[in-house]
Amino acid sequence: MIPAGVKRILDKHQVTPDQRILVALSGGADSMALLNAFLTLGYTCEAAHCNFHLRGDESDEDERFVTEYCREKQVPLYIKHFDTQEEARQKGISIEMAARDLRYQWFWELVEENGFSQLATGHHGDDMIETFFLNLARGTGVRGLRGMREYRGVLLRPLLAFRREEIEVWCCRNEIPFRTDSSNLDTAYQRNYIRHNILPEMEQLNPSFFSTMQRNFKNIDDVWQVFMDRVEELKQQILAHEGEHMLIPIRLISEHPQREVVLFEILRPYGFKGATISEIIESFDGIPGKQFFSQNYRLVRDRYNLILLPRETGEEEMFYIENGLTEVAGPLKMSIKQYEANKDFKFSRDPRCIHLDADCIDFPLKVRHWQQGDLFRPLGMEKFKKLSDFFVDEKLSRVEKDKVWLLLSGDDIVWVAGHRIDDRFKVTNTTKNILEIRV
């Protein structure tokens, strides 16, 4: 059953036995079934196992299990250890997302370094349905509802037509051992919550829910292809290139009935996220000059166009805030107000909100990360202090220091964002105009 289904997918995508395949091997039923299907069919494969150290001895037992099995079957095995919890903490993401990022980054390194033709994973049909509901809850749009691709470049998923239960039954009947992850029962994980609480309810409503969702994925994908064909036509019609710059006419986007999703598909390849797209469209009614940033690109809202340009090497972490802006989208999302000082004024005690003497500020303000040698005068002090020493006093870790942004007027630090303003820019009894900045 399983080998025949895998063979059909391999033949469909012209994957031949002489090609080297890397199998992502967790030790669970799905990955063990996949590895054995390849071996049964006579394909050349090697395996990669991640130890995420999330389940104590159980994680180490998984590693020992796959090691012994691969040794018995004479399958070369790669093993990598990860500090997944630390990765999640540093990046401010979930454990699930951190584990996913870590394993795929390593898998692609192995593929590139060792010349594998394909990376095969044991994702099955139930995984695809769970991902659908996860993406529905996250609001990823139609792109995230299409389902997984059984073949995408180098990535191969030959088990998407099978259910989890089918795979486990096949393993048991063919005496293929596998490990059961105890954390799969923990509904604190979003995917597990969907698996144990939502999907059983859907199958109560429709006993053929699995096959219905398979058809839904096909229909959504067909609609998606029609939409993407139209997006490509629009790109050809409206986009203009001037050297490294790309111009996107604001009027043509603004007048389009599906402007948000169209603009997202235009800018998505350049690293812009859905939330930023909404802010870009809101800026159409504001004054020109507002800027938006992805990791490698800068988007400027000009009078008539959105101008997309690469961020220059060596200046990629310097951003500018022009006078008159009331909102800034990145790298810190800020609201800015200027008003006259009066007797009713009260200082903010919120570390995300500061008040400055507006007449001491020179625009454009600059935003950048800290650099070695930076000095400022922390509020209440008469002498300058090295920023590195200030971080020690604040007990910031290396990771936390690297995430700190500075607000500068000219070359002077105005604010160590979220921590302390510079004493030279504070509001005093002689202040006439106040600049309020809220993160």
Protein backbone atom coordinates (compact mmCIF):
# COMPACT_ATOMS: atom_id res chain seq x y z
CA MET A 1 0.00 0.00 0.00
CA ILE A 2 2.54 2.64 1.14
CA PRO A 3 5.35 1.67 -1.29
CA ALA A 4 2.92 1.63 -4.23
CA GLY A 5 1.67 5.11 -3.35
CA VAL A 6 5.21 6.43 -2.92
CA LYS A 7 6.26 4.87 -6.25
CA ARG A 8 3.39 6.61 -8.02
CA ILE A 9 4.55 10.00 -6.72
CA LEU A 10 8.20 9.29 -7.56
CA ASP A 11 7.33 8.24 -11.12
CA LYS A 12 5.04 11.23 -11.54
CA HIS A 13 7.89 13.60 -10.74
CA GLN A 14 10.57 11.55 -12.49
CA VAL A 15 12.56 10.70 -9.37
CA THR A 16 14.70 7.68 -10.30
CA PRO A 17 16.47 5.06 -8.11
CA ASP A 18 19.90 6.37 -9.06
CA GLN A 19 19.21 9.76 -7.45
CA ARG A 20 20.34 10.32 -3.85
CA ILE A 21 17.51 11.15 -1.47
CA LEU A 22 17.84 12.60 2.03
CA VAL A 23 15.04 11.39 4.32
CA ALA A 24 14.07 13.48 7.36
CA LEU A 25 13.90 10.76 10.01
CA SER A 26 12.30 11.56 13.37
CA GLY A 27 11.66 7.94 14.34
CA GLY A 28 7.88 8.39 14.18
CA ALA A 29 5.61 6.16 12.10
CA ASP A 30 5.44 8.52 9.12
CA SER A 31 9.20 8.97 8.63
CA MET A 32 9.92 5.29 9.35
CA ALA A 33 7.29 4.25 6.79
CA LEU A 34 8.80 6.61 4.24
CA LEU A 35 12.35 5.35 4.75
CA ASN A 36 11.20 1.73 4.44
CA ALA A 37 9.18 2.49 1.31
CA PHE A 38 12.31 3.91 -0.34
CA LEU A 39 14.37 0.90 0.73
CA THR A 40 11.71 -1.54 -0.49
CA LEU A 41 11.62 0.22 -3.86
CA GLY A 42 15.40 0.10 -4.19
CA TYR A 43 16.07 3.83 -3.97
CA THR A 44 19.37 5.27 -2.74
CA CYS A 45 18.71 7.21 0.44
CA GLU A 46 20.37 8.59 3.55
CA ALA A 47 18.72 9.93 6.69
CA ALA A 48 18.91 13.03 8.91
CA HIS A 49 17.73 13.16 12.51
CA CYS A 50 17.25 16.25 14.71
CA ASN A 51 17.55 16.05 18.49
CA PHE A 52 15.72 19.14 19.74
CA HIS A 53 16.25 18.27 23.44
CA LEU A 54 12.66 19.13 24.30
CA ARG A 55 11.64 15.86 25.98
CA GLY A 56 14.66 14.97 28.12
CA ASP A 57 15.60 11.29 27.98
CA GLU A 58 12.83 10.64 25.46
CA SER A 59 14.61 12.81 22.86
CA ASP A 60 17.84 10.90 23.44
CA GLU A 61 15.98 7.59 23.15
CA ASP A 62 14.64 8.70 19.76
CA GLU A 63 18.21 9.39 18.65
CA ARG A 64 19.43 5.98 19.84
CA PHE A 65 16.48 4.28 18.13
CA VAL A 66 17.11 5.80 14.67
CA THR A 67 20.86 5.28 15.05
CA GLU A 68 20.47 1.55 15.69
CA TYR A 69 17.87 1.13 12.96
CA CYS A 70 19.94 2.92 10.32
CA ARG A 71 22.99 0.88 11.32
CA GLU A 72 20.97 -2.31 10.89
CA LYS A 73 19.67 -1.21 7.48
CA GLN A 74 23.06 0.23 6.45
CA VAL A 75 21.57 3.67 5.87
CA PRO A 76 24.02 6.58 6.40
CA LEU A 77 22.67 8.83 9.14
CA TYR A 78 23.33 12.50 9.98
CA ILE A 79 22.48 13.73 13.50
CA LYS A 80 22.25 17.33 14.76
CA HIS A 81 21.62 18.60 18.30
CA PHE A 82 19.74 21.86 18.88
CA ASP A 83 19.06 24.13 21.86
CA THR A 84 15.53 24.74 20.65
CA GLN A 85 14.26 26.58 23.71
CA GLU A 86 17.12 29.08 23.55
CA GLU A 87 16.50 29.62 19.83
CA ALA A 88 12.83 30.32 20.51
CA ARG A 89 13.69 32.73 23.33
CA GLN A 90 16.22 34.65 21.29
CA LYS A 91 13.94 35.05 18.28
CA GLY A 92 10.76 35.56 20.28
CA ILE A 93 8.92 32.75 18.48
CA SER A 94 7.12 29.57 19.54
CA ILE A 95 8.95 26.32 20.25
CA GLU A 96 7.17 24.78 17.25
CA MET A 97 8.34 27.52 14.90
CA ALA A 98 11.89 27.45 16.26
CA ALA A 99 12.13 23.68 15.75
CA ARG A 100 10.81 23.99 12.21
CA ASP A 101 13.27 26.75 11.30
CA LEU A 102 16.22 24.90 12.80
CA ARG A 103 15.56 21.59 11.10
CA TYR A 104 14.92 22.99 7.65
CA GLN A 105 17.96 25.23 7.79
CA TRP A 106 20.08 22.17 8.61
CA PHE A 107 18.35 19.95 6.05
CA TRP A 108 19.05 22.44 3.24
CA GLU A 109 22.68 22.70 4.34
CA LEU A 110 22.98 18.91 4.08
CA VAL A 111 21.33 18.88 0.66
CA GLU A 112 23.69 21.54 -0.66
CA GLU A 113 26.87 20.20 0.93
CA ASN A 114 26.28 16.57 -0.05
CA GLY A 115 24.60 16.93 -3.42
CA PHE A 116 21.28 15.24 -2.64
CA SER A 117 18.71 15.34 -5.43
CA GLN A 118 15.72 15.41 -3.08
CA LEU A 119 14.81 16.07 0.52
CA ALA A 120 11.93 13.76 1.47
CA THR A 121 9.71 14.33 4.50
CA GLY A 122 7.01 12.12 5.97
CA HIS A 123 4.22 14.72 5.95
CA HIS A 124 0.89 13.01 5.42
CA GLY A 125 -2.69 14.09 4.71
CA ASP A 126 -3.60 14.74 8.35
CA ASP A 127 -0.57 17.03 8.68
CA MET A 128 -1.85 19.00 5.70
CA ILE A 129 -5.32 19.44 7.20
CA GLU A 130 -3.85 20.51 10.56
CA THR A 131 -1.68 23.06 8.76
CA PHE A 132 -4.77 24.37 6.96
CA PHE A 133 -6.48 25.14 10.26
CA LEU A 134 -3.30 26.61 11.76
CA ASN A 135 -2.95 28.98 8.81
CA LEU A 136 -6.67 29.78 8.88
CA ALA A 137 -6.30 30.86 12.53
CA ARG A 138 -3.16 32.87 11.76
CA GLY A 139 -4.75 34.69 8.82
CA THR A 140 -2.19 33.72 6.19
CA GLY A 141 -4.62 34.26 3.31
CA VAL A 142 -5.33 31.93 0.40
CA ARG A 143 -1.65 31.09 -0.06
CA GLY A 144 -1.56 29.37 3.35
CA LEU A 145 -4.79 27.44 2.70
CA ARG A 146 -3.66 25.69 -0.46
CA GLY A 147 -2.19 22.69 1.30
CA MET A 148 1.29 21.26 1.01
CA ARG A 149 2.90 20.53 -2.35
CA GLU A 150 3.83 16.88 -2.89
CA TYR A 151 6.79 18.07 -4.95
CA ARG A 152 8.40 21.51 -4.89
CA GLY A 153 11.81 21.79 -6.43
CA VAL A 154 13.95 19.57 -4.22
CA LEU A 155 11.37 19.02 -1.46
CA LEU A 156 9.39 15.78 -1.79
CA ARG A 157 6.35 14.71 0.27
CA PRO A 158 5.16 11.33 -1.05
CA LEU A 159 2.72 10.50 1.79
CA LEU A 160 0.19 13.33 1.47
CA ALA A 161 -2.51 11.00 0.13
CA PHE A 162 -2.36 8.84 3.28
CA ARG A 163 -3.84 9.29 6.74
CA ARG A 164 -1.82 8.98 9.95
CA GLU A 165 -3.80 5.91 10.98
CA GLU A 166 -3.17 4.15 7.64
CA ILE A 167 0.57 4.70 8.00
CA GLU A 168 0.67 3.32 11.55
CA VAL A 169 -1.36 0.25 10.55
CA TRP A 170 0.99 -0.43 7.63
CA CYS A 171 4.02 -0.16 9.91
CA CYS A 172 2.52 -2.61 12.40
CA ARG A 173 1.56 -5.11 9.71
CA ASN A 174 5.04 -5.01 8.22
CA GLU A 175 6.82 -5.08 11.59
CA ILE A 176 8.40 -1.67 11.07
CA PRO A 177 9.21 -0.22 14.50
CA PHE A 178 8.52 3.41 15.30
CA ARG A 179 8.57 5.76 18.27
CA THR A 180 5.56 7.64 19.62
CA ASP A 181 6.22 11.22 20.70
CA SER A 182 4.54 11.77 24.08
CA SER A 183 4.32 15.52 23.42
CA ASN A 184 1.81 14.76 20.65
CA LEU A 185 -0.78 14.52 23.42
CA ASP A 186 0.01 17.97 24.83
CA THR A 187 -2.73 20.30 23.61
CA ALA A 188 -0.73 23.33 24.71
CA TYR A 189 0.84 23.02 21.26
CA GLN A 190 -1.46 24.56 18.67
CA ARG A 191 -1.16 21.70 16.19
CA ASN A 192 -2.03 19.15 18.87
CA TYR A 193 -5.02 21.21 19.95
CA ILE A 194 -6.35 21.12 16.40
CA ARG A 195 -5.60 17.40 16.08
CA HIS A 196 -7.34 16.35 19.29
CA ASN A 197 -10.16 18.90 19.58
CA ILE A 198 -11.10 20.39 16.22
CA LEU A 199 -10.62 17.60 13.67
CA PRO A 200 -12.69 15.00 15.59
CA GLU A 201 -15.57 17.51 15.59
CA MET A 202 -15.23 18.05 11.83
CA GLU A 203 -15.33 14.28 11.26
CA GLN A 204 -18.46 14.12 13.38
CA LEU A 205 -20.06 16.58 10.97
CA ASN A 206 -18.72 14.82 7.90
CA PRO A 207 -17.42 11.23 8.15
CA SER A 208 -15.73 11.75 4.75
CA PHE A 209 -13.98 14.88 5.97
CA PHE A 210 -10.50 13.69 4.95
CA SER A 211 -11.43 13.04 1.32
CA THR A 212 -13.50 16.25 1.27
CA MET A 213 -10.45 18.24 2.37
CA GLN A 214 -8.32 16.57 -0.30
CA ARG A 215 -10.79 17.87 -2.91
CA ASN A 216 -10.86 21.27 -1.21
CA PHE A 217 -7.09 21.55 -1.50
CA LYS A 218 -7.30 20.79 -5.22
CA ASN A 219 -10.04 23.41 -5.73
CA ILE A 220 -8.23 26.08 -3.71
CA ASP A 221 -5.06 25.43 -5.66
CA ASP A 222 -6.89 25.77 -8.99
CA VAL A 223 -8.35 29.13 -7.88
CA TRP A 224 -4.92 30.19 -6.67
CA GLN A 225 -3.34 29.48 -10.04
CA VAL A 226 -5.97 31.62 -11.80
CA PHE A 227 -5.31 34.44 -9.33
CA MET A 228 -1.54 34.24 -9.69
CA ASP A 229 -1.83 34.35 -13.48
CA ARG A 230 -3.78 37.59 -13.10
CA VAL A 231 -1.19 38.98 -10.64
CA GLU A 232 1.57 38.30 -13.17
CA GLU A 233 -0.42 40.16 -15.82
CA LEU A 234 -0.82 43.12 -13.45
CA LYS A 235 2.90 43.15 -12.72
CA GLN A 236 3.65 43.42 -16.40
CA GLN A 237 1.16 46.26 -16.76
CA ILE A 238 1.91 48.46 -13.77
CA LEU A 239 5.49 47.91 -12.60
CA ALA A 240 8.33 50.04 -13.90
CA HIS A 241 12.03 49.48 -13.30
CA GLU A 242 14.65 52.21 -13.05
CA GLY A 243 18.01 50.57 -12.43
CA GLU A 244 17.79 48.86 -9.04
CA HIS A 245 14.58 50.73 -8.20
CA MET A 246 11.08 49.41 -8.85
CA LEU A 247 8.17 51.85 -9.11
CA ILE A 248 4.64 50.82 -8.14
CA PRO A 249 2.02 53.46 -9.09
CA ILE A 250 -0.06 54.25 -6.01
CA ARG A 251 -3.17 55.15 -8.03
CA LEU A 252 -3.32 51.80 -9.82
CA ILE A 253 -2.95 49.85 -6.59
CA SER A 254 -5.35 52.10 -4.70
CA GLU A 255 -8.08 51.70 -7.33
CA HIS A 256 -7.79 47.93 -7.60
CA PRO A 257 -10.70 46.13 -5.85
CA GLN A 258 -8.32 43.55 -4.35
CA ARG A 259 -5.54 46.01 -3.68
CA GLU A 260 -4.24 44.52 -0.44
CA VAL A 261 -3.77 40.97 -1.72
CA VAL A 262 -2.36 42.21 -5.04
CA LEU A 263 0.19 44.45 -3.31
CA PHE A 264 1.09 41.62 -0.94
CA GLU A 265 1.87 39.28 -3.84
CA ILE A 266 3.96 41.99 -5.52
CA LEU A 267 6.01 42.68 -2.39
CA ARG A 268 6.07 39.23 -0.78
CA PRO A 269 9.17 38.08 -2.76
CA TYR A 270 11.00 41.05 -1.22
CA GLY A 271 10.29 39.97 2.36
CA PHE A 272 7.34 42.23 3.27
CA LYS A 273 4.77 40.76 5.65
CA GLY A 274 0.99 41.00 5.60
CA ALA A 275 0.79 43.44 8.54
CA THR A 276 3.20 45.81 6.79
CA ILE A 277 1.10 45.69 3.59
CA SER A 278 -1.90 47.01 5.54
CA GLU A 279 0.22 49.88 6.88
CA ILE A 280 1.50 50.70 3.39
CA ILE A 281 -2.04 50.98 2.05
CA GLU A 282 -3.07 53.14 5.01
CA SER A 283 -0.20 55.48 4.14
CA PHE A 284 -1.82 56.28 0.76
CA ASP A 285 -3.97 58.88 2.56
CA GLY A 286 -1.00 60.39 4.44
CA ILE A 287 1.85 62.65 3.49
CA PRO A 288 4.67 61.38 1.23
CA GLY A 289 7.95 60.20 2.71
CA LYS A 290 6.86 57.33 4.92
CA GLN A 291 9.20 54.33 4.72
CA PHE A 292 8.72 50.61 5.25
CA PHE A 293 11.39 47.95 5.64
CA SER A 294 11.96 44.27 5.10
CA GLN A 295 15.23 42.54 5.85
CA ASN A 296 16.86 43.45 2.54
CA TYR A 297 14.62 46.12 1.00
CA ARG A 298 13.29 49.61 1.69
CA LEU A 299 9.95 50.88 0.37
CA VAL A 300 9.40 54.63 0.16
CA ARG A 301 5.91 56.11 -0.22
CA ASP A 302 6.55 58.93 -2.71
CA ARG A 303 3.92 61.35 -3.98
CA TYR A 304 2.79 59.16 -6.90
CA ASN A 305 4.69 55.88 -6.48
CA LEU A 306 5.87 53.29 -4.04
CA ILE A 307 9.62 53.08 -4.64
CA LEU A 308 11.25 49.75 -3.83
CA LEU A 309 15.02 49.67 -3.53
CA PRO A 310 17.65 47.42 -1.95
CA ARG A 311 19.05 48.44 1.40
CA GLU A 312 22.69 49.37 0.90
CA THR A 313 25.45 47.31 2.47
CA GLY A 314 26.84 49.06 5.52
CA GLU A 315 23.74 51.25 5.82
CA GLU A 316 21.13 48.55 6.10
CA GLU A 317 20.45 49.31 9.77
CA MET A 318 20.10 53.10 9.45
CA PHE A 319 16.58 54.52 9.09
CA TYR A 320 15.39 58.10 8.81
CA ILE A 321 12.35 59.87 10.24
CA GLU A 322 11.41 63.08 8.48
CA ASN A 323 9.81 66.04 10.24
CA GLY A 324 6.02 66.01 10.00
CA LEU A 325 5.57 62.23 10.14
CA THR A 326 3.02 61.10 12.69
CA GLU A 327 3.58 57.37 12.25
CA VAL A 328 6.62 55.23 11.48
CA ALA A 329 6.27 51.59 10.41
CA GLY A 330 9.81 50.35 10.91
CA PRO A 331 12.14 49.29 12.28
CA LEU A 332 10.26 50.42 15.39
CA LYS A 333 6.57 51.08 14.97
CA MET A 334 6.15 54.56 16.45
CA SER A 335 3.58 57.32 16.71
CA ILE A 336 4.91 60.90 16.89
CA LYS A 337 3.23 64.07 18.15
CA GLN A 338 4.41 67.65 18.64
CA TYR A 339 2.58 70.17 20.78
CA GLU A 340 3.13 73.24 22.93
CA ALA A 341 4.15 72.78 26.53
CA ASN A 342 1.60 73.84 29.13
CA LYS A 343 1.14 73.72 32.88
CA ASP A 344 -1.01 70.58 32.70
CA PHE A 345 1.75 68.54 31.04
CA LYS A 346 2.70 65.30 32.81
CA PHE A 347 5.72 63.12 32.03
CA SER A 348 5.09 59.61 30.81
CA ARG A 349 6.16 56.80 33.12
CA ASP A 350 5.68 54.22 30.37
CA PRO A 351 9.10 53.05 29.03
CA ARG A 352 7.52 52.83 25.57
CA CYS A 353 6.67 56.55 25.57
CA ILE A 354 9.07 59.50 25.86
CA HIS A 355 8.81 63.29 25.93
CA LEU A 356 11.58 65.46 24.51
CA ASP A 357 12.28 69.15 24.08
CA ALA A 358 11.28 69.50 20.43
CA ASP A 359 13.43 72.59 19.91
CA CYS A 360 16.56 70.55 20.73
CA ILE A 361 15.84 68.05 17.97
CA ASP A 362 17.25 68.20 14.45
CA PHE A 363 15.36 66.30 11.75
CA PRO A 364 15.57 63.90 10.13
CA LEU A 365 15.90 61.69 13.18
CA LYS A 366 17.91 58.51 12.69
CA VAL A 367 17.26 55.02 13.99
CA ARG A 368 20.01 52.41 14.17
CA HIS A 369 21.45 49.66 16.34
CA TRP A 370 24.17 50.49 18.86
CA GLN A 371 27.86 50.43 17.90
CA GLN A 372 31.03 50.03 19.91
CA GLY A 373 32.16 53.44 21.20
CA ASP A 374 28.65 54.95 21.43
CA LEU A 375 28.29 57.49 24.25
CA PHE A 376 25.31 59.29 25.74
CA ARG A 377 24.27 61.18 28.90
CA PRO A 378 21.64 59.05 30.66
CA LEU A 379 18.78 61.11 32.08
CA GLY A 380 19.81 62.63 35.42
CA MET A 381 23.56 62.42 34.78
CA GLU A 382 26.04 65.20 34.00
CA LYS A 383 28.74 63.00 32.48
CA PHE A 384 28.75 60.85 29.37
CA LYS A 385 28.58 57.08 29.73
CA LYS A 386 29.61 54.37 27.32
CA LEU A 387 26.58 52.57 26.02
CA SER A 388 28.34 49.24 26.61
CA ASP A 389 28.67 50.17 30.32
CA PHE A 390 25.04 51.26 30.44
CA PHE A 391 24.02 47.84 29.11
CA VAL A 392 26.03 46.17 31.87
CA ASP A 393 24.24 48.31 34.47
CA GLU A 394 20.89 47.36 32.92
CA LYS A 395 21.93 43.67 33.01
CA LEU A 396 21.19 43.15 29.33
CA SER A 397 22.34 39.92 27.70
CA ARG A 398 24.28 39.94 24.42
CA VAL A 399 21.13 39.01 22.54
CA GLU A 400 19.13 41.76 24.25
CA LYS A 401 21.85 44.33 23.48
CA ASP A 402 21.84 43.41 19.81
CA LYS A 403 18.10 44.04 19.67
CA VAL A 404 18.29 47.56 21.14
CA TRP A 405 17.53 50.46 18.79
CA LEU A 406 18.85 54.01 19.19
CA LEU A 407 17.12 57.23 18.22
CA LEU A 408 19.56 59.95 17.14
CA SER A 409 19.41 63.65 16.38
CA GLY A 410 22.35 64.30 14.10
CA ASP A 411 25.09 62.17 15.64
CA ASP A 412 23.77 62.48 19.21
CA ILE A 413 21.86 59.66 20.88
CA VAL A 414 18.44 60.93 21.97
CA TRP A 415 16.96 57.72 23.27
CA VAL A 416 18.07 54.18 23.98
CA ALA A 417 14.67 52.89 22.94
CA GLY A 418 12.73 51.32 25.76
CA HIS A 419 15.42 52.21 28.34
CA ARG A 420 16.60 55.81 28.83
CA ILE A 421 16.58 59.19 27.09
CA ASP A 422 19.63 61.46 26.91
CA ASP A 423 19.63 64.23 29.53
CA ARG A 424 20.40 66.87 26.87
CA PHE A 425 16.98 66.41 25.26
CA LYS A 426 14.78 66.26 28.34
CA VAL A 427 11.79 68.54 28.94
CA THR A 428 12.60 71.39 31.37
CA ASN A 429 10.83 74.45 32.81
CA THR A 430 11.99 76.44 29.78
CA THR A 431 10.71 73.94 27.19
CA LYS A 432 8.22 75.53 24.81
CA ASN A 433 7.46 72.63 22.48
CA ILE A 434 7.27 68.94 23.26
CA LEU A 435 8.00 66.00 21.00
CA GLU A 436 6.19 62.85 22.12
CA ILE A 437 7.27 59.48 20.70
CA ARG A 438 5.43 56.31 21.56
CA VAL A 439 6.58 52.84 20.50
